[in-house]
Structure formats: structure tokens, C-alpha cells
Amino acid sequence: TELLYLIKKQAPIESIREVFKRGEGLDLEVKDEHLSQELSKYVKIKLKNSISEKEIKEILRFIREYDLRIDLWEVQNLVWERRREIKDTEIFELLELSFSP
């Protein structure tokens, strides 16, 4: 419940990661479909709000670190639309997009 609350209120990724780790440490199932949908919304909203490249990377690293199965199609499109603005190529790698600025 706390995890979903943090995601819905667009909390910093560090707070979400902390609760996620705690849940896993207690052997709670934290990788369900509803969570995946909410995380997908979280990432899209963050990108639409033009967060920093550092924040984008941290979110994408978190998703990859925990092998979270979320739909990144719209996120990839949003990043692609901003591709000329984005300087950090790791973002493209984390989204499996090939682009050389």
C-alpha cells in the first residue's frame, strides 16, 4: 500500500526504491500487474514534467535493477521526441533505443 501511495503521489525514486527493497526483504510480492501499470504511469508523468536527465536515468535504472515488467513504449516515444535535448546517451541504452546525437 505504501509503495502504491508513493508512486501515485509522484514521490522521488529514492523513496520508492527504499520501500520496494523493504518489501522484498520481507518476502512480499511487490512485482504485480497493478504495480507495473502504476509505475508505467509514474515514468510517463515524470517525463512529461520534463524532469532532469539524472532523474530519468535513476528511474530507468530502478526498473532495470529489479527487472520490472512495465510498458515502456510510451516512455520510449517521449524520450525519442526529446532526443535532441537529451545529452546522456545512457538513457537511450536503458530504453534500448539507438540514437547518436
PDB file of N, CA and C in Angstrom:
ATOM      1  N   THR A   1       0.828  -1.183   0.000  1.00  0.00           N
ATOM      2  CA  THR A   1       0.000   0.000   0.000  1.00  0.00           C
ATOM      3  C   THR A   1       0.875   1.250   0.000  1.00  0.00           C
ATOM      4  N   GLU A   2       1.893   1.258   0.834  1.00  0.00           N
ATOM      5  CA  GLU A   2       2.787   2.418   0.904  1.00  0.00           C
ATOM      6  C   GLU A   2       3.490   2.645  -0.434  1.00  0.00           C
ATOM      7  N   LEU A   3       3.874   1.572  -1.077  1.00  0.00           N
ATOM      8  CA  LEU A   3       4.554   1.657  -2.364  1.00  0.00           C
ATOM      9  C   LEU A   3       3.642   2.293  -3.414  1.00  0.00           C
ATOM     10  N   LEU A   4       2.425   1.834  -3.501  1.00  0.00           N
ATOM     11  CA  LEU A   4       1.480   2.409  -4.455  1.00  0.00           C
ATOM     12  C   LEU A   4       1.193   3.869  -4.145  1.00  0.00           C
ATOM     13  N   TYR A   5       1.085   4.196  -2.870  1.00  0.00           N
ATOM     14  CA  TYR A   5       0.853   5.574  -2.462  1.00  0.00           C
ATOM     15  C   TYR A   5       1.989   6.474  -2.967  1.00  0.00           C
ATOM     16  N   LEU A   6       3.228   6.050  -2.761  1.00  0.00           N
ATOM     17  CA  LEU A   6       4.384   6.849  -3.184  1.00  0.00           C
ATOM     18  C   LEU A   6       4.421   7.016  -4.701  1.00  0.00           C
ATOM     19  N   ILE A   7       4.101   5.955  -5.402  1.00  0.00           N
ATOM     20  CA  ILE A   7       4.102   6.021  -6.867  1.00  0.00           C
ATOM     21  C   ILE A   7       3.034   6.992  -7.351  1.00  0.00           C
ATOM     22  N   LYS A   8       1.843   6.885  -6.784  1.00  0.00           N
ATOM     23  CA  LYS A   8       0.734   7.745  -7.217  1.00  0.00           C
ATOM     24  C   LYS A   8       0.969   9.216  -6.880  1.00  0.00           C
ATOM     25  N   LYS A   9       1.679   9.490  -5.804  1.00  0.00           N
ATOM     26  CA  LYS A   9       1.925  10.891  -5.454  1.00  0.00           C
ATOM     27  C   LYS A   9       3.202  11.420  -6.106  1.00  0.00           C
ATOM     28  N   GLN A  10       3.801  10.625  -6.993  1.00  0.00           N
ATOM     29  CA  GLN A  10       4.990  11.032  -7.752  1.00  0.00           C
ATOM     30  C   GLN A  10       6.172  11.354  -6.830  1.00  0.00           C
ATOM     31  N   ALA A  11       6.350  10.517  -5.820  1.00  0.00           N
ATOM     32  CA  ALA A  11       7.460  10.683  -4.876  1.00  0.00           C
ATOM     33  C   ALA A  11       8.795  10.485  -5.598  1.00  0.00           C
ATOM     34  N   PRO A  12       9.869  10.973  -5.015  1.00  0.00           N
ATOM     35  CA  PRO A  12      11.194  10.743  -5.609  1.00  0.00           C
ATOM     36  C   PRO A  12      11.489   9.241  -5.697  1.00  0.00           C
ATOM     37  N   ILE A  13      12.218   8.864  -6.708  1.00  0.00           N
ATOM     38  CA  ILE A  13      12.501   7.447  -6.947  1.00  0.00           C
ATOM     39  C   ILE A  13      13.250   6.826  -5.767  1.00  0.00           C
ATOM     40  N   GLU A  14      14.037   7.595  -5.048  1.00  0.00           N
ATOM     41  CA  GLU A  14      14.774   7.058  -3.898  1.00  0.00           C
ATOM     42  C   GLU A  14      13.808   6.532  -2.837  1.00  0.00           C
ATOM     43  N   SER A  15      12.717   7.251  -2.610  1.00  0.00           N
ATOM     44  CA  SER A  15      11.714   6.810  -1.626  1.00  0.00           C
ATOM     45  C   SER A  15      11.027   5.531  -2.082  1.00  0.00           C
ATOM     46  N   ILE A  16      10.725   5.472  -3.355  1.00  0.00           N
ATOM     47  CA  ILE A  16      10.073   4.278  -3.914  1.00  0.00           C
ATOM     48  C   ILE A  16      11.013   3.085  -3.831  1.00  0.00           C
ATOM     49  N   ARG A  17      12.282   3.300  -4.182  1.00  0.00           N
ATOM     50  CA  ARG A  17      13.279   2.223  -4.128  1.00  0.00           C
ATOM     51  C   ARG A  17      13.414   1.685  -2.702  1.00  0.00           C
ATOM     52  N   GLU A  18      13.431   2.585  -1.724  1.00  0.00           N
ATOM     53  CA  GLU A  18      13.575   2.187  -0.322  1.00  0.00           C
ATOM     54  C   GLU A  18      12.426   1.279   0.129  1.00  0.00           C
ATOM     55  N   VAL A  19      11.200   1.667  -0.183  1.00  0.00           N
ATOM     56  CA  VAL A  19      10.034   0.857   0.202  1.00  0.00           C
ATOM     57  C   VAL A  19      10.031  -0.457  -0.573  1.00  0.00           C
ATOM     58  N   PHE A  20      10.414  -0.403  -1.825  1.00  0.00           N
ATOM     59  CA  PHE A  20      10.479  -1.607  -2.650  1.00  0.00           C
ATOM     60  C   PHE A  20      11.461  -2.622  -2.049  1.00  0.00           C
ATOM     61  N   LYS A  21      12.644  -2.134  -1.680  1.00  0.00           N
ATOM     62  CA  LYS A  21      13.660  -3.016  -1.070  1.00  0.00           C
ATOM     63  C   LYS A  21      13.159  -3.618   0.235  1.00  0.00           C
ATOM     64  N   ARG A  22      12.502  -2.764   1.035  1.00  0.00           N
ATOM     65  CA  ARG A  22      11.963  -3.242   2.317  1.00  0.00           C
ATOM     66  C   ARG A  22      10.942  -4.346   2.096  1.00  0.00           C
ATOM     67  N   GLY A  23      10.071  -4.161   1.108  1.00  0.00           N
ATOM     68  CA  GLY A  23       9.053  -5.166   0.791  1.00  0.00           C
ATOM     69  C   GLY A  23       9.671  -6.473   0.347  1.00  0.00           C
ATOM     70  N   GLU A  24      10.675  -6.375  -0.511  1.00  0.00           N
ATOM     71  CA  GLU A  24      11.361  -7.594  -0.955  1.00  0.00           C
ATOM     72  C   GLU A  24      12.065  -8.280   0.205  1.00  0.00           C
ATOM     73  N   GLY A  25      12.650  -7.487   1.106  1.00  0.00           N
ATOM     74  CA  GLY A  25      13.331  -8.040   2.276  1.00  0.00           C
ATOM     75  C   GLY A  25      12.395  -8.800   3.191  1.00  0.00           C
ATOM     76  N   LEU A  26      11.122  -8.459   3.132  1.00  0.00           N
ATOM     77  CA  LEU A  26      10.106  -9.150   3.937  1.00  0.00           C
ATOM     78  C   LEU A  26       9.419 -10.260   3.148  1.00  0.00           C
ATOM     79  N   ASP A  27       9.983 -10.567   1.982  1.00  0.00           N
ATOM     80  CA  ASP A  27       9.436 -11.594   1.081  1.00  0.00           C
ATOM     81  C   ASP A  27       8.007 -11.296   0.639  1.00  0.00           C
ATOM     82  N   LEU A  28       7.687 -10.013   0.479  1.00  0.00           N
ATOM     83  CA  LEU A  28       6.382  -9.631  -0.036  1.00  0.00           C
ATOM     84  C   LEU A  28       6.459  -9.576  -1.560  1.00  0.00           C
ATOM     85  N   GLU A  29       5.385  -9.941  -2.210  1.00  0.00           N
ATOM     86  CA  GLU A  29       5.339  -9.868  -3.668  1.00  0.00           C
ATOM     87  C   GLU A  29       5.088  -8.417  -4.060  1.00  0.00           C
ATOM     88  N   VAL A  30       6.098  -7.779  -4.595  1.00  0.00           N
ATOM     89  CA  VAL A  30       5.968  -6.369  -4.959  1.00  0.00           C
ATOM     90  C   VAL A  30       5.985  -6.157  -6.474  1.00  0.00           C
ATOM     91  N   LYS A  31       6.023  -7.216  -7.219  1.00  0.00           N
ATOM     92  CA  LYS A  31       6.064  -7.110  -8.679  1.00  0.00           C
ATOM     93  C   LYS A  31       4.758  -7.612  -9.291  1.00  0.00           C
ATOM     94  N   ASP A  32       3.657  -6.956  -8.983  1.00  0.00           N
ATOM     95  CA  ASP A  32       2.393  -7.400  -9.552  1.00  0.00           C
ATOM     96  C   ASP A  32       1.985  -6.510 -10.724  1.00  0.00           C
ATOM     97  N   GLU A  33       0.926  -6.895 -11.410  1.00  0.00           N
ATOM     98  CA  GLU A  33       0.487  -6.190 -12.610  1.00  0.00           C
ATOM     99  C   GLU A  33       0.024  -4.767 -12.303  1.00  0.00           C
ATOM    100  N   HIS A  34      -0.701  -4.607 -11.205  1.00  0.00           N
ATOM    101  CA  HIS A  34      -1.188  -3.272 -10.846  1.00  0.00           C
ATOM    102  C   HIS A  34      -0.018  -2.321 -10.577  1.00  0.00           C
ATOM    103  N   LEU A  35       0.981  -2.816  -9.864  1.00  0.00           N
ATOM    104  CA  LEU A  35       2.173  -2.015  -9.589  1.00  0.00           C
ATOM    105  C   LEU A  35       2.859  -1.641 -10.901  1.00  0.00           C
ATOM    106  N   SER A  36       2.956  -2.576 -11.817  1.00  0.00           N
ATOM    107  CA  SER A  36       3.592  -2.310 -13.109  1.00  0.00           C
ATOM    108  C   SER A  36       2.865  -1.206 -13.865  1.00  0.00           C
ATOM    109  N   GLN A  37       1.547  -1.248 -13.847  1.00  0.00           N
ATOM    110  CA  GLN A  37       0.761  -0.215 -14.527  1.00  0.00           C
ATOM    111  C   GLN A  37       0.986   1.148 -13.883  1.00  0.00           C
ATOM    112  N   GLU A  38       0.999   1.185 -12.564  1.00  0.00           N
ATOM    113  CA  GLU A  38       1.205   2.449 -11.866  1.00  0.00           C
ATOM    114  C   GLU A  38       2.620   2.996 -12.089  1.00  0.00           C
ATOM    115  N   LEU A  39       3.600   2.112 -12.125  1.00  0.00           N
ATOM    116  CA  LEU A  39       4.975   2.545 -12.401  1.00  0.00           C
ATOM    117  C   LEU A  39       5.095   3.092 -13.817  1.00  0.00           C
ATOM    118  N   SER A  40       4.408   2.480 -14.731  1.00  0.00           N
ATOM    119  CA  SER A  40       4.411   2.957 -16.107  1.00  0.00           C
ATOM    120  C   SER A  40       3.846   4.375 -16.178  1.00  0.00           C
ATOM    121  N   LYS A  41       2.749   4.619 -15.487  1.00  0.00           N
ATOM    122  CA  LYS A  41       2.157   5.961 -15.425  1.00  0.00           C
ATOM    123  C   LYS A  41       3.135   6.940 -14.765  1.00  0.00           C
ATOM    124  N   TYR A  42       3.764   6.475 -13.690  1.00  0.00           N
ATOM    125  CA  TYR A  42       4.720   7.295 -12.941  1.00  0.00           C
ATOM    126  C   TYR A  42       5.822   7.812 -13.872  1.00  0.00           C
ATOM    127  N   VAL A  43       6.404   6.910 -14.642  1.00  0.00           N
ATOM    128  CA  VAL A  43       7.502   7.285 -15.533  1.00  0.00           C
ATOM    129  C   VAL A  43       7.014   8.269 -16.596  1.00  0.00           C
ATOM    130  N   LYS A  44       5.863   8.006 -17.173  1.00  0.00           N
ATOM    131  CA  LYS A  44       5.327   8.896 -18.211  1.00  0.00           C
ATOM    132  C   LYS A  44       5.066  10.296 -17.657  1.00  0.00           C
ATOM    133  N   ILE A  45       4.481  10.369 -16.486  1.00  0.00           N
ATOM    134  CA  ILE A  45       4.193  11.673 -15.878  1.00  0.00           C
ATOM    135  C   ILE A  45       5.494  12.415 -15.575  1.00  0.00           C
ATOM    136  N   LYS A  46       6.458  11.699 -15.035  1.00  0.00           N
ATOM    137  CA  LYS A  46       7.746  12.322 -14.736  1.00  0.00           C
ATOM    138  C   LYS A  46       8.378  12.895 -16.003  1.00  0.00           C
ATOM    139  N   LEU A  47       8.352  12.121 -17.082  1.00  0.00           N
ATOM    140  CA  LEU A  47       8.943  12.598 -18.335  1.00  0.00           C
ATOM    141  C   LEU A  47       8.179  13.786 -18.906  1.00  0.00           C
ATOM    142  N   LYS A  48       6.873  13.735 -18.814  1.00  0.00           N
ATOM    143  CA  LYS A  48       6.067  14.849 -19.328  1.00  0.00           C
ATOM    144  C   LYS A  48       6.316  16.121 -18.535  1.00  0.00           C
ATOM    145  N   ASN A  49       6.712  15.976 -17.284  1.00  0.00           N
ATOM    146  CA  ASN A  49       7.023  17.130 -16.442  1.00  0.00           C
ATOM    147  C   ASN A  49       8.463  17.594 -16.627  1.00  0.00           C
ATOM    148  N   SER A  50       9.113  17.044 -17.644  1.00  0.00           N
ATOM    149  CA  SER A  50      10.483  17.444 -18.003  1.00  0.00           C
ATOM    150  C   SER A  50      11.469  17.362 -16.838  1.00  0.00           C
ATOM    151  N   ILE A  51      11.508  16.219 -16.193  1.00  0.00           N
ATOM    152  CA  ILE A  51      12.476  16.025 -15.114  1.00  0.00           C
ATOM    153  C   ILE A  51      13.885  15.987 -15.694  1.00  0.00           C
ATOM    154  N   SER A  52      14.860  16.078 -14.840  1.00  0.00           N
ATOM    155  CA  SER A  52      16.254  16.096 -15.291  1.00  0.00           C
ATOM    156  C   SER A  52      16.666  14.735 -15.850  1.00  0.00           C
ATOM    157  N   GLU A  53      17.713  14.763 -16.635  1.00  0.00           N
ATOM    158  CA  GLU A  53      18.247  13.518 -17.200  1.00  0.00           C
ATOM    159  C   GLU A  53      18.710  12.586 -16.084  1.00  0.00           C
ATOM    160  N   LYS A  54      19.247  13.161 -15.020  1.00  0.00           N
ATOM    161  CA  LYS A  54      19.683  12.341 -13.879  1.00  0.00           C
ATOM    162  C   LYS A  54      18.498  11.574 -13.287  1.00  0.00           C
ATOM    163  N   GLU A  55      17.364  12.253 -13.122  1.00  0.00           N
ATOM    164  CA  GLU A  55      16.173  11.597 -12.578  1.00  0.00           C
ATOM    165  C   GLU A  55      15.654  10.519 -13.534  1.00  0.00           C
ATOM    166  N   ILE A  56      15.668  10.816 -14.819  1.00  0.00           N
ATOM    167  CA  ILE A  56      15.229   9.822 -15.812  1.00  0.00           C
ATOM    168  C   ILE A  56      16.077   8.566 -15.686  1.00  0.00           C
ATOM    169  N   LYS A  57      17.392   8.751 -15.625  1.00  0.00           N
ATOM    170  CA  LYS A  57      18.303   7.601 -15.504  1.00  0.00           C
ATOM    171  C   LYS A  57      18.051   6.807 -14.240  1.00  0.00           C
ATOM    172  N   GLU A  58      17.856   7.490 -13.128  1.00  0.00           N
ATOM    173  CA  GLU A  58      17.623   6.793 -11.863  1.00  0.00           C
ATOM    174  C   GLU A  58      16.356   5.942 -11.925  1.00  0.00           C
ATOM    175  N   ILE A  59      15.323   6.472 -12.521  1.00  0.00           N
ATOM    176  CA  ILE A  59      14.071   5.718 -12.649  1.00  0.00           C
ATOM    177  C   ILE A  59      14.282   4.503 -13.548  1.00  0.00           C
ATOM    178  N   LEU A  60      14.934   4.705 -14.678  1.00  0.00           N
ATOM    179  CA  LEU A  60      15.160   3.593 -15.612  1.00  0.00           C
ATOM    180  C   LEU A  60      16.099   2.544 -15.019  1.00  0.00           C
ATOM    181  N   ARG A  61      17.087   2.981 -14.255  1.00  0.00           N
ATOM    182  CA  ARG A  61      17.979   2.025 -13.577  1.00  0.00           C
ATOM    183  C   ARG A  61      17.210   1.198 -12.547  1.00  0.00           C
ATOM    184  N   PHE A  62      16.325   1.859 -11.822  1.00  0.00           N
ATOM    185  CA  PHE A  62      15.495   1.161 -10.838  1.00  0.00           C
ATOM    186  C   PHE A  62      14.658   0.080 -11.526  1.00  0.00           C
ATOM    187  N   ILE A  63      14.034   0.424 -12.625  1.00  0.00           N
ATOM    188  CA  ILE A  63      13.204  -0.528 -13.374  1.00  0.00           C
ATOM    189  C   ILE A  63      14.039  -1.708 -13.843  1.00  0.00           C
ATOM    190  N   ARG A  64      15.220  -1.422 -14.356  1.00  0.00           N
ATOM    191  CA  ARG A  64      16.098  -2.483 -14.848  1.00  0.00           C
ATOM    192  C   ARG A  64      16.670  -3.315 -13.695  1.00  0.00           C
ATOM    193  N   GLU A  65      17.088  -2.640 -12.627  1.00  0.00           N
ATOM    194  CA  GLU A  65      17.689  -3.318 -11.469  1.00  0.00           C
ATOM    195  C   GLU A  65      16.760  -4.398 -10.910  1.00  0.00           C
ATOM    196  N   TYR A  66      15.483  -4.097 -10.853  1.00  0.00           N
ATOM    197  CA  TYR A  66      14.525  -5.038 -10.293  1.00  0.00           C
ATOM    198  C   TYR A  66      13.764  -5.816 -11.362  1.00  0.00           C
ATOM    199  N   ASP A  67      14.209  -5.675 -12.608  1.00  0.00           N
ATOM    200  CA  ASP A  67      13.608  -6.404 -13.712  1.00  0.00           C
ATOM    201  C   ASP A  67      12.078  -6.263 -13.702  1.00  0.00           C
ATOM    202  N   LEU A  68      11.633  -5.013 -13.563  1.00  0.00           N
ATOM    203  CA  LEU A  68      10.207  -4.742 -13.515  1.00  0.00           C
ATOM    204  C   LEU A  68       9.635  -4.771 -14.927  1.00  0.00           C
ATOM    205  N   ARG A  69       8.579  -5.480 -15.091  1.00  0.00           N
ATOM    206  CA  ARG A  69       7.945  -5.635 -16.397  1.00  0.00           C
ATOM    207  C   ARG A  69       6.905  -4.539 -16.590  1.00  0.00           C
ATOM    208  N   ILE A  70       7.373  -3.410 -17.080  1.00  0.00           N
ATOM    209  CA  ILE A  70       6.421  -2.333 -17.336  1.00  0.00           C
ATOM    210  C   ILE A  70       6.477  -1.964 -18.809  1.00  0.00           C
ATOM    211  N   ASP A  71       5.383  -1.401 -19.289  1.00  0.00           N
ATOM    212  CA  ASP A  71       5.281  -0.995 -20.682  1.00  0.00           C
ATOM    213  C   ASP A  71       6.016   0.321 -20.857  1.00  0.00           C
ATOM    214  N   LEU A  72       7.120   0.285 -21.556  1.00  0.00           N
ATOM    215  CA  LEU A  72       7.924   1.482 -21.760  1.00  0.00           C
ATOM    216  C   LEU A  72       7.745   2.074 -23.157  1.00  0.00           C
ATOM    217  N   TRP A  73       6.799   1.564 -23.904  1.00  0.00           N
ATOM    218  CA  TRP A  73       6.593   2.031 -25.274  1.00  0.00           C
ATOM    219  C   TRP A  73       6.355   3.537 -25.322  1.00  0.00           C
ATOM    220  N   GLU A  74       5.435   4.045 -24.507  1.00  0.00           N
ATOM    221  CA  GLU A  74       5.151   5.481 -24.492  1.00  0.00           C
ATOM    222  C   GLU A  74       6.343   6.276 -23.967  1.00  0.00           C
ATOM    223  N   VAL A  75       7.046   5.714 -23.011  1.00  0.00           N
ATOM    224  CA  VAL A  75       8.231   6.365 -22.466  1.00  0.00           C
ATOM    225  C   VAL A  75       9.296   6.474 -23.563  1.00  0.00           C
ATOM    226  N   GLN A  76       9.476   5.403 -24.311  1.00  0.00           N
ATOM    227  CA  GLN A  76      10.427   5.439 -25.419  1.00  0.00           C
ATOM    228  C   GLN A  76      10.043   6.533 -26.418  1.00  0.00           C
ATOM    229  N   ASN A  77       8.759   6.646 -26.705  1.00  0.00           N
ATOM    230  CA  ASN A  77       8.296   7.680 -27.634  1.00  0.00           C
ATOM    231  C   ASN A  77       8.560   9.081 -27.096  1.00  0.00           C
ATOM    232  N   LEU A  78       8.310   9.274 -25.804  1.00  0.00           N
ATOM    233  CA  LEU A  78       8.556  10.583 -25.192  1.00  0.00           C
ATOM    234  C   LEU A  78      10.044  10.946 -25.242  1.00  0.00           C
ATOM    235  N   VAL A  79      10.882   9.972 -24.944  1.00  0.00           N
ATOM    236  CA  VAL A  79      12.326  10.210 -24.995  1.00  0.00           C
ATOM    237  C   VAL A  79      12.748  10.486 -26.433  1.00  0.00           C
ATOM    238  N   TRP A  80      12.198   9.727 -27.362  1.00  0.00           N
ATOM    239  CA  TRP A  80      12.551   9.920 -28.767  1.00  0.00           C
ATOM    240  C   TRP A  80      12.171  11.332 -29.231  1.00  0.00           C
ATOM    241  N   GLU A  81      11.027  11.823 -28.775  1.00  0.00           N
ATOM    242  CA  GLU A  81      10.603  13.177 -29.137  1.00  0.00           C
ATOM    243  C   GLU A  81      11.583  14.221 -28.597  1.00  0.00           C
ATOM    244  N   ARG A  82      12.196  13.923 -27.472  1.00  0.00           N
ATOM    245  CA  ARG A  82      13.148  14.849 -26.832  1.00  0.00           C
ATOM    246  C   ARG A  82      14.598  14.497 -27.149  1.00  0.00           C
ATOM    247  N   ARG A  83      14.830  13.624 -28.104  1.00  0.00           N
ATOM    248  CA  ARG A  83      16.165  13.082 -28.353  1.00  0.00           C
ATOM    249  C   ARG A  83      17.226  14.141 -28.620  1.00  0.00           C
ATOM    250  N   ARG A  84      16.869  15.245 -29.210  1.00  0.00           N
ATOM    251  CA  ARG A  84      17.847  16.306 -29.494  1.00  0.00           C
ATOM    252  C   ARG A  84      18.229  17.070 -28.229  1.00  0.00           C
ATOM    253  N   GLU A  85      17.350  17.043 -27.228  1.00  0.00           N
ATOM    254  CA  GLU A  85      17.612  17.743 -25.967  1.00  0.00           C
ATOM    255  C   GLU A  85      18.423  16.884 -25.001  1.00  0.00           C
ATOM    256  N   ILE A  86      18.274  15.577 -25.098  1.00  0.00           N
ATOM    257  CA  ILE A  86      18.893  14.652 -24.140  1.00  0.00           C
ATOM    258  C   ILE A  86      20.354  14.425 -24.500  1.00  0.00           C
ATOM    259  N   LYS A  87      21.214  14.739 -23.573  1.00  0.00           N
ATOM    260  CA  LYS A  87      22.663  14.624 -23.794  1.00  0.00           C
ATOM    261  C   LYS A  87      23.233  13.297 -23.292  1.00  0.00           C
ATOM    262  N   ASP A  88      22.602  12.718 -22.286  1.00  0.00           N
ATOM    263  CA  ASP A  88      23.118  11.499 -21.667  1.00  0.00           C
ATOM    264  C   ASP A  88      22.667  10.271 -22.466  1.00  0.00           C
ATOM    265  N   THR A  89      23.592   9.667 -23.179  1.00  0.00           N
ATOM    266  CA  THR A  89      23.254   8.537 -24.057  1.00  0.00           C
ATOM    267  C   THR A  89      22.855   7.279 -23.284  1.00  0.00           C
ATOM    268  N   GLU A  90      23.183   7.209 -21.996  1.00  0.00           N
ATOM    269  CA  GLU A  90      22.789   6.037 -21.207  1.00  0.00           C
ATOM    270  C   GLU A  90      21.268   5.897 -21.158  1.00  0.00           C
ATOM    271  N   ILE A  91      20.556   7.012 -21.229  1.00  0.00           N
ATOM    272  CA  ILE A  91      19.094   6.969 -21.230  1.00  0.00           C
ATOM    273  C   ILE A  91      18.599   6.172 -22.423  1.00  0.00           C
ATOM    274  N   PHE A  92      19.201   6.392 -23.578  1.00  0.00           N
ATOM    275  CA  PHE A  92      18.814   5.650 -24.779  1.00  0.00           C
ATOM    276  C   PHE A  92      19.136   4.165 -24.625  1.00  0.00           C
ATOM    277  N   GLU A  93      20.285   3.876 -24.042  1.00  0.00           N
ATOM    278  CA  GLU A  93      20.685   2.483 -23.808  1.00  0.00           C
ATOM    279  C   GLU A  93      19.713   1.780 -22.860  1.00  0.00           C
ATOM    280  N   LEU A  94      19.336   2.457 -21.793  1.00  0.00           N
ATOM    281  CA  LEU A  94      18.417   1.860 -20.808  1.00  0.00           C
ATOM    282  C   LEU A  94      17.041   1.582 -21.415  1.00  0.00           C
ATOM    283  N   LEU A  95      16.683   2.361 -22.426  1.00  0.00           N
ATOM    284  CA  LEU A  95      15.392   2.152 -23.107  1.00  0.00           C
ATOM    285  C   LEU A  95      15.541   1.316 -24.372  1.00  0.00           C
ATOM    286  N   GLU A  96      16.768   0.863 -24.618  1.00  0.00           N
ATOM    287  CA  GLU A  96      17.063   0.058 -25.802  1.00  0.00           C
ATOM    288  C   GLU A  96      16.703   0.793 -27.091  1.00  0.00           C
ATOM    289  N   LEU A  97      17.063   2.079 -27.104  1.00  0.00           N
ATOM    290  CA  LEU A  97      16.878   2.911 -28.288  1.00  0.00           C
ATOM    291  C   LEU A  97      18.260   3.230 -28.835  1.00  0.00           C
ATOM    292  N   SER A  98      18.415   3.156 -30.130  1.00  0.00           N
ATOM    293  CA  SER A  98      19.707   3.518 -30.695  1.00  0.00           C
ATOM    294  C   SER A  98      19.607   4.911 -31.289  1.00  0.00           C
ATOM    295  N   PHE A  99      20.414   5.778 -30.749  1.00  0.00           N
ATOM    296  CA  PHE A  99      20.452   7.158 -31.212  1.00  0.00           C
ATOM    297  C   PHE A  99      21.816   7.740 -30.885  1.00  0.00           C
ATOM    298  N   SER A 100      22.399   8.386 -31.866  1.00  0.00           N
ATOM    299  CA  SER A 100      23.665   9.077 -31.667  1.00  0.00           C
ATOM    300  C   SER A 100      23.444  10.554 -31.932  1.00  0.00           C
ATOM    301  N   PRO A 101      23.473  11.362 -30.864  1.00  0.00           N
ATOM    302  CA  PRO A 101      23.234  12.807 -31.060  1.00  0.00           C
ATOM    303  C   PRO A 101      24.304  13.459 -31.906  1.00  0.00           C
TER     304      PRO A 101
END
